[in-house]
Amino acid sequence: MKETINFTLKPGTIENLQAYSEILDKEISTVMEEALEAYFAETQKRLLDKNTADENAMTNLDYDEFWDGVEL
């Protein structure tokens, strides 16, 4: 199912879309779809990396914190 969304782009972005469309011999909609897929994949990777880093930051203790209060 195709849906239509109206949005506004800066003139420079439109020029780039037209240029890449011609260079790649693809429809502008295809260029935009591929660009958005790449953007979403990269954003998802960054979010997963950030979540992993945040989770590790919450669970990792340094040496002193780990052994604090332990008597041998």
PDB file of N, CA and C in Angstrom:
ATOM      1  N   MET A   1       0.844  -1.178   0.000  1.00  0.00           N
ATOM      2  CA  MET A   1       0.000   0.000   0.000  1.00  0.00           C
ATOM      3  C   MET A   1       0.887   1.238   0.000  1.00  0.00           C
ATOM      4  N   LYS A   2       0.668   2.115  -0.928  1.00  0.00           N
ATOM      5  CA  LYS A   2       1.437   3.349  -1.009  1.00  0.00           C
ATOM      6  C   LYS A   2       0.654   4.468  -0.346  1.00  0.00           C
ATOM      7  N   GLU A   3       1.363   5.253   0.423  1.00  0.00           N
ATOM      8  CA  GLU A   3       0.769   6.421   1.052  1.00  0.00           C
ATOM      9  C   GLU A   3       1.486   7.656   0.555  1.00  0.00           C
ATOM     10  N   THR A   4       0.801   8.766   0.594  1.00  0.00           N
ATOM     11  CA  THR A   4       1.385  10.028   0.166  1.00  0.00           C
ATOM     12  C   THR A   4       1.587  10.923   1.372  1.00  0.00           C
ATOM     13  N   ILE A   5       2.782  11.522   1.435  1.00  0.00           N
ATOM     14  CA  ILE A   5       3.102  12.482   2.491  1.00  0.00           C
ATOM     15  C   ILE A   5       3.603  13.742   1.798  1.00  0.00           C
ATOM     16  N   ASN A   6       3.081  14.864   2.193  1.00  0.00           N
ATOM     17  CA  ASN A   6       3.550  16.134   1.652  1.00  0.00           C
ATOM     18  C   ASN A   6       4.568  16.740   2.598  1.00  0.00           C
ATOM     19  N   PHE A   7       5.692  17.194   2.047  1.00  0.00           N
ATOM     20  CA  PHE A   7       6.704  17.864   2.852  1.00  0.00           C
ATOM     21  C   PHE A   7       7.465  18.837   1.962  1.00  0.00           C
ATOM     22  N   THR A   8       8.240  19.697   2.590  1.00  0.00           N
ATOM     23  CA  THR A   8       8.986  20.726   1.876  1.00  0.00           C
ATOM     24  C   THR A   8      10.478  20.448   2.012  1.00  0.00           C
ATOM     25  N   LEU A   9      11.191  20.608   0.917  1.00  0.00           N
ATOM     26  CA  LEU A   9      12.644  20.446   0.914  1.00  0.00           C
ATOM     27  C   LEU A   9      13.304  21.752   0.509  1.00  0.00           C
ATOM     28  N   LYS A  10      14.533  21.951   1.010  1.00  0.00           N
ATOM     29  CA  LYS A  10      15.297  23.126   0.618  1.00  0.00           C
ATOM     30  C   LYS A  10      15.664  23.008  -0.860  1.00  0.00           C
ATOM     31  N   PRO A  11      15.798  24.140  -1.543  1.00  0.00           N
ATOM     32  CA  PRO A  11      16.147  24.117  -2.972  1.00  0.00           C
ATOM     33  C   PRO A  11      17.413  23.305  -3.272  1.00  0.00           C
ATOM     34  N   GLY A  12      18.410  23.400  -2.421  1.00  0.00           N
ATOM     35  CA  GLY A  12      19.650  22.643  -2.636  1.00  0.00           C
ATOM     36  C   GLY A  12      19.425  21.145  -2.572  1.00  0.00           C
ATOM     37  N   THR A  13      18.549  20.724  -1.683  1.00  0.00           N
ATOM     38  CA  THR A  13      18.230  19.306  -1.567  1.00  0.00           C
ATOM     39  C   THR A  13      17.511  18.819  -2.817  1.00  0.00           C
ATOM     40  N   ILE A  14      16.622  19.632  -3.327  1.00  0.00           N
ATOM     41  CA  ILE A  14      15.904  19.276  -4.554  1.00  0.00           C
ATOM     42  C   ILE A  14      16.881  19.162  -5.723  1.00  0.00           C
ATOM     43  N   GLU A  15      17.815  20.098  -5.810  1.00  0.00           N
ATOM     44  CA  GLU A  15      18.821  20.047  -6.869  1.00  0.00           C
ATOM     45  C   GLU A  15      19.656  18.773  -6.772  1.00  0.00           C
ATOM     46  N   ASN A  16      20.041  18.416  -5.551  1.00  0.00           N
ATOM     47  CA  ASN A  16      20.809  17.183  -5.351  1.00  0.00           C
ATOM     48  C   ASN A  16      19.994  15.958  -5.744  1.00  0.00           C
ATOM     49  N   LEU A  17      18.736  15.922  -5.376  1.00  0.00           N
ATOM     50  CA  LEU A  17      17.879  14.803  -5.751  1.00  0.00           C
ATOM     51  C   LEU A  17      17.787  14.665  -7.268  1.00  0.00           C
ATOM     52  N   GLN A  18      17.593  15.780  -7.930  1.00  0.00           N
ATOM     53  CA  GLN A  18      17.501  15.750  -9.390  1.00  0.00           C
ATOM     54  C   GLN A  18      18.814  15.291 -10.008  1.00  0.00           C
ATOM     55  N   ALA A  19      19.926  15.784  -9.485  1.00  0.00           N
ATOM     56  CA  ALA A  19      21.237  15.422 -10.035  1.00  0.00           C
ATOM     57  C   ALA A  19      21.507  13.932  -9.839  1.00  0.00           C
ATOM     58  N   TYR A  20      21.296  13.422  -8.622  1.00  0.00           N
ATOM     59  CA  TYR A  20      21.545  12.009  -8.372  1.00  0.00           C
ATOM     60  C   TYR A  20      20.566  11.127  -9.131  1.00  0.00           C
ATOM     61  N   SER A  21      19.364  11.588  -9.307  1.00  0.00           N
ATOM     62  CA  SER A  21      18.391  10.847 -10.090  1.00  0.00           C
ATOM     63  C   SER A  21      18.897  10.662 -11.517  1.00  0.00           C
ATOM     64  N   GLU A  22      19.444  11.703 -12.090  1.00  0.00           N
ATOM     65  CA  GLU A  22      19.982  11.617 -13.453  1.00  0.00           C
ATOM     66  C   GLU A  22      21.244  10.761 -13.497  1.00  0.00           C
ATOM     67  N   ILE A  23      22.159  10.990 -12.564  1.00  0.00           N
ATOM     68  CA  ILE A  23      23.426  10.248 -12.537  1.00  0.00           C
ATOM     69  C   ILE A  23      23.178   8.749 -12.385  1.00  0.00           C
ATOM     70  N   LEU A  24      22.262   8.398 -11.477  1.00  0.00           N
ATOM     71  CA  LEU A  24      21.995   6.988 -11.190  1.00  0.00           C
ATOM     72  C   LEU A  24      20.939   6.378 -12.104  1.00  0.00           C
ATOM     73  N   ASP A  25      20.330   7.221 -12.944  1.00  0.00           N
ATOM     74  CA  ASP A  25      19.255   6.781 -13.841  1.00  0.00           C
ATOM     75  C   ASP A  25      18.137   6.094 -13.044  1.00  0.00           C
ATOM     76  N   LYS A  26      17.717   6.791 -11.982  1.00  0.00           N
ATOM     77  CA  LYS A  26      16.645   6.295 -11.114  1.00  0.00           C
ATOM     78  C   LYS A  26      15.629   7.400 -10.914  1.00  0.00           C
ATOM     79  N   GLU A  27      14.412   7.000 -10.623  1.00  0.00           N
ATOM     80  CA  GLU A  27      13.375   7.965 -10.282  1.00  0.00           C
ATOM     81  C   GLU A  27      13.757   8.658  -8.977  1.00  0.00           C
ATOM     82  N   ILE A  28      13.334   9.899  -8.829  1.00  0.00           N
ATOM     83  CA  ILE A  28      13.618  10.641  -7.599  1.00  0.00           C
ATOM     84  C   ILE A  28      13.056   9.905  -6.390  1.00  0.00           C
ATOM     85  N   SER A  29      11.869   9.328  -6.523  1.00  0.00           N
ATOM     86  CA  SER A  29      11.269   8.599  -5.398  1.00  0.00           C
ATOM     87  C   SER A  29      12.132   7.410  -4.986  1.00  0.00           C
ATOM     88  N   THR A  30      12.778   6.760  -5.949  1.00  0.00           N
ATOM     89  CA  THR A  30      13.665   5.637  -5.635  1.00  0.00           C
ATOM     90  C   THR A  30      14.906   6.119  -4.904  1.00  0.00           C
ATOM     91  N   VAL A  31      15.484   7.234  -5.359  1.00  0.00           N
ATOM     92  CA  VAL A  31      16.655   7.806  -4.693  1.00  0.00           C
ATOM     93  C   VAL A  31      16.299   8.171  -3.255  1.00  0.00           C
ATOM     94  N   MET A  32      15.157   8.788  -3.059  1.00  0.00           N
ATOM     95  CA  MET A  32      14.734   9.171  -1.710  1.00  0.00           C
ATOM     96  C   MET A  32      14.493   7.941  -0.846  1.00  0.00           C
ATOM     97  N   GLU A  33      13.844   6.925  -1.387  1.00  0.00           N
ATOM     98  CA  GLU A  33      13.570   5.697  -0.636  1.00  0.00           C
ATOM     99  C   GLU A  33      14.874   5.033  -0.192  1.00  0.00           C
ATOM    100  N   GLU A  34      15.830   4.936  -1.118  1.00  0.00           N
ATOM    101  CA  GLU A  34      17.122   4.338  -0.773  1.00  0.00           C
ATOM    102  C   GLU A  34      17.867   5.166   0.267  1.00  0.00           C
ATOM    103  N   ALA A  35      17.815   6.479   0.134  1.00  0.00           N
ATOM    104  CA  ALA A  35      18.487   7.354   1.100  1.00  0.00           C
ATOM    105  C   ALA A  35      17.855   7.215   2.486  1.00  0.00           C
ATOM    106  N   LEU A  36      16.542   7.153   2.536  1.00  0.00           N
ATOM    107  CA  LEU A  36      15.862   7.008   3.824  1.00  0.00           C
ATOM    108  C   LEU A  36      16.140   5.639   4.445  1.00  0.00           C
ATOM    109  N   GLU A  37      16.184   4.594   3.629  1.00  0.00           N
ATOM    110  CA  GLU A  37      16.512   3.266   4.161  1.00  0.00           C
ATOM    111  C   GLU A  37      17.904   3.271   4.778  1.00  0.00           C
ATOM    112  N   ALA A  38      18.866   3.895   4.094  1.00  0.00           N
ATOM    113  CA  ALA A  38      20.229   3.984   4.627  1.00  0.00           C
ATOM    114  C   ALA A  38      20.251   4.806   5.918  1.00  0.00           C
ATOM    115  N   TYR A  39      19.501   5.913   5.934  1.00  0.00           N
ATOM    116  CA  TYR A  39      19.427   6.760   7.135  1.00  0.00           C
ATOM    117  C   TYR A  39      18.834   5.983   8.305  1.00  0.00           C
ATOM    118  N   PHE A  40      17.734   5.264   8.067  1.00  0.00           N
ATOM    119  CA  PHE A  40      17.089   4.507   9.139  1.00  0.00           C
ATOM    120  C   PHE A  40      18.006   3.405   9.664  1.00  0.00           C
ATOM    121  N   ALA A  41      18.714   2.716   8.778  1.00  0.00           N
ATOM    122  CA  ALA A  41      19.633   1.661   9.209  1.00  0.00           C
ATOM    123  C   ALA A  41      20.757   2.235  10.063  1.00  0.00           C
ATOM    124  N   GLU A  42      21.336   3.355   9.627  1.00  0.00           N
ATOM    125  CA  GLU A  42      22.414   3.995  10.388  1.00  0.00           C
ATOM    126  C   GLU A  42      21.902   4.509  11.728  1.00  0.00           C
ATOM    127  N   THR A  43      20.728   5.103  11.741  1.00  0.00           N
ATOM    128  CA  THR A  43      20.156   5.622  12.984  1.00  0.00           C
ATOM    129  C   THR A  43      19.860   4.485  13.952  1.00  0.00           C
ATOM    130  N   GLN A  44      19.318   3.381  13.443  1.00  0.00           N
ATOM    131  CA  GLN A  44      19.044   2.236  14.302  1.00  0.00           C
ATOM    132  C   GLN A  44      20.340   1.698  14.903  1.00  0.00           C
ATOM    133  N   LYS A  45      21.404   1.614  14.094  1.00  0.00           N
ATOM    134  CA  LYS A  45      22.700   1.149  14.595  1.00  0.00           C
ATOM    135  C   LYS A  45      23.216   2.072  15.697  1.00  0.00           C
ATOM    136  N   ARG A  46      23.140   3.391  15.459  1.00  0.00           N
ATOM    137  CA  ARG A  46      23.608   4.341  16.478  1.00  0.00           C
ATOM    138  C   ARG A  46      22.798   4.214  17.765  1.00  0.00           C
ATOM    139  N   LEU A  47      21.479   4.051  17.650  1.00  0.00           N
ATOM    140  CA  LEU A  47      20.632   3.911  18.843  1.00  0.00           C
ATOM    141  C   LEU A  47      20.955   2.623  19.595  1.00  0.00           C
ATOM    142  N   LEU A  48      21.163   1.532  18.866  1.00  0.00           N
ATOM    143  CA  LEU A  48      21.524   0.273  19.522  1.00  0.00           C
ATOM    144  C   LEU A  48      22.865   0.396  20.220  1.00  0.00           C
ATOM    145  N   ASP A  49      23.841   1.036  19.554  1.00  0.00           N
ATOM    146  CA  ASP A  49      25.154   1.239  20.171  1.00  0.00           C
ATOM    147  C   ASP A  49      25.036   2.105  21.419  1.00  0.00           C
ATOM    148  N   LYS A  50      24.219   3.157  21.339  1.00  0.00           N
ATOM    149  CA  LYS A  50      24.029   4.044  22.493  1.00  0.00           C
ATOM    150  C   LYS A  50      23.354   3.299  23.638  1.00  0.00           C
ATOM    151  N   ASN A  51      22.331   2.515  23.320  1.00  0.00           N
ATOM    152  CA  ASN A  51      21.637   1.755  24.361  1.00  0.00           C
ATOM    153  C   ASN A  51      22.570   0.753  25.025  1.00  0.00           C
ATOM    154  N   THR A  52      23.417   0.108  24.215  1.00  0.00           N
ATOM    155  CA  THR A  52      24.378  -0.836  24.768  1.00  0.00           C
ATOM    156  C   THR A  52      25.370  -0.116  25.672  1.00  0.00           C
ATOM    157  N   ALA A  53      25.861   1.032  25.231  1.00  0.00           N
ATOM    158  CA  ALA A  53      26.808   1.802  26.038  1.00  0.00           C
ATOM    159  C   ALA A  53      26.147   2.274  27.329  1.00  0.00           C
ATOM    160  N   ASP A  54      24.900   2.745  27.235  1.00  0.00           N
ATOM    161  CA  ASP A  54      24.184   3.190  28.434  1.00  0.00           C
ATOM    162  C   ASP A  54      23.957   2.028  29.400  1.00  0.00           C
ATOM    163  N   GLU A  55      23.610   0.876  28.857  1.00  0.00           N
ATOM    164  CA  GLU A  55      23.388  -0.305  29.700  1.00  0.00           C
ATOM    165  C   GLU A  55      24.680  -0.730  30.377  1.00  0.00           C
ATOM    166  N   ASN A  56      25.774  -0.715  29.622  1.00  0.00           N
ATOM    167  CA  ASN A  56      27.068  -1.071  30.201  1.00  0.00           C
ATOM    168  C   ASN A  56      27.492  -0.074  31.263  1.00  0.00           C
ATOM    169  N   ALA A  57      27.205   1.185  31.042  1.00  0.00           N
ATOM    170  CA  ALA A  57      27.578   2.208  32.016  1.00  0.00           C
ATOM    171  C   ALA A  57      26.817   2.008  33.326  1.00  0.00           C
ATOM    172  N   MET A  58      25.602   1.499  33.231  1.00  0.00           N
ATOM    173  CA  MET A  58      24.793   1.301  34.437  1.00  0.00           C
ATOM    174  C   MET A  58      25.184   0.031  35.181  1.00  0.00           C
ATOM    175  N   THR A  59      25.754  -0.954  34.489  1.00  0.00           N
ATOM    176  CA  THR A  59      26.010  -2.240  35.128  1.00  0.00           C
ATOM    177  C   THR A  59      27.465  -2.477  35.468  1.00  0.00           C
ATOM    178  N   ASN A  60      28.376  -1.740  34.882  1.00  0.00           N
ATOM    179  CA  ASN A  60      29.790  -1.964  35.135  1.00  0.00           C
ATOM    180  C   ASN A  60      30.240  -1.181  36.365  1.00  0.00           C
ATOM    181  N   LEU A  61      30.916  -1.883  37.221  1.00  0.00           N
ATOM    182  CA  LEU A  61      31.487  -1.250  38.408  1.00  0.00           C
ATOM    183  C   LEU A  61      33.004  -1.252  38.262  1.00  0.00           C
ATOM    184  N   ASP A  62      33.618  -0.201  38.770  1.00  0.00           N
ATOM    185  CA  ASP A  62      35.077  -0.236  38.746  1.00  0.00           C
ATOM    186  C   ASP A  62      35.557  -1.123  39.901  1.00  0.00           C
ATOM    187  N   TYR A  63      36.840  -1.357  39.965  1.00  0.00           N
ATOM    188  CA  TYR A  63      37.422  -2.281  40.938  1.00  0.00           C
ATOM    189  C   TYR A  63      37.040  -1.923  42.372  1.00  0.00           C
ATOM    190  N   ASP A  64      37.194  -0.651  42.735  1.00  0.00           N
ATOM    191  CA  ASP A  64      36.897  -0.223  44.104  1.00  0.00           C
ATOM    192  C   ASP A  64      35.418  -0.381  44.437  1.00  0.00           C
ATOM    193  N   GLU A  65      34.549  -0.056  43.492  1.00  0.00           N
ATOM    194  CA  GLU A  65      33.105  -0.192  43.742  1.00  0.00           C
ATOM    195  C   GLU A  65      32.732  -1.662  43.932  1.00  0.00           C
ATOM    196  N   PHE A  66      33.326  -2.525  43.122  1.00  0.00           N
ATOM    197  CA  PHE A  66      32.997  -3.947  43.204  1.00  0.00           C
ATOM    198  C   PHE A  66      33.393  -4.530  44.558  1.00  0.00           C
ATOM    199  N   TRP A  67      34.593  -4.181  45.033  1.00  0.00           N
ATOM    200  CA  TRP A  67      35.126  -4.787  46.254  1.00  0.00           C
ATOM    201  C   TRP A  67      34.791  -3.972  47.509  1.00  0.00           C
ATOM    202  N   ASP A  68      34.092  -2.854  47.373  1.00  0.00           N
ATOM    203  CA  ASP A  68      33.748  -2.013  48.526  1.00  0.00           C
ATOM    204  C   ASP A  68      32.936  -2.828  49.531  1.00  0.00           C
ATOM    205  N   GLY A  69      33.414  -2.884  50.749  1.00  0.00           N
ATOM    206  CA  GLY A  69      32.702  -3.574  51.823  1.00  0.00           C
ATOM    207  C   GLY A  69      32.994  -5.053  51.933  1.00  0.00           C
ATOM    208  N   VAL A  70      33.768  -5.592  51.020  1.00  0.00           N
ATOM    209  CA  VAL A  70      34.107  -7.023  51.065  1.00  0.00           C
ATOM    210  C   VAL A  70      35.386  -7.192  51.880  1.00  0.00           C
ATOM    211  N   GLU A  71      35.311  -8.031  52.873  1.00  0.00           N
ATOM    212  CA  GLU A  71      36.498  -8.293  53.696  1.00  0.00           C
ATOM    213  C   GLU A  71      36.968  -9.698  53.443  1.00  0.00           C
ATOM    214  N   LEU A  72      38.259  -9.809  53.184  1.00  0.00           N
ATOM    215  CA  LEU A  72      38.844 -11.129  52.937  1.00  0.00           C
ATOM    216  C   LEU A  72      39.686 -11.564  54.075  1.00  0.00           C
TER     217      LEU A  72
END
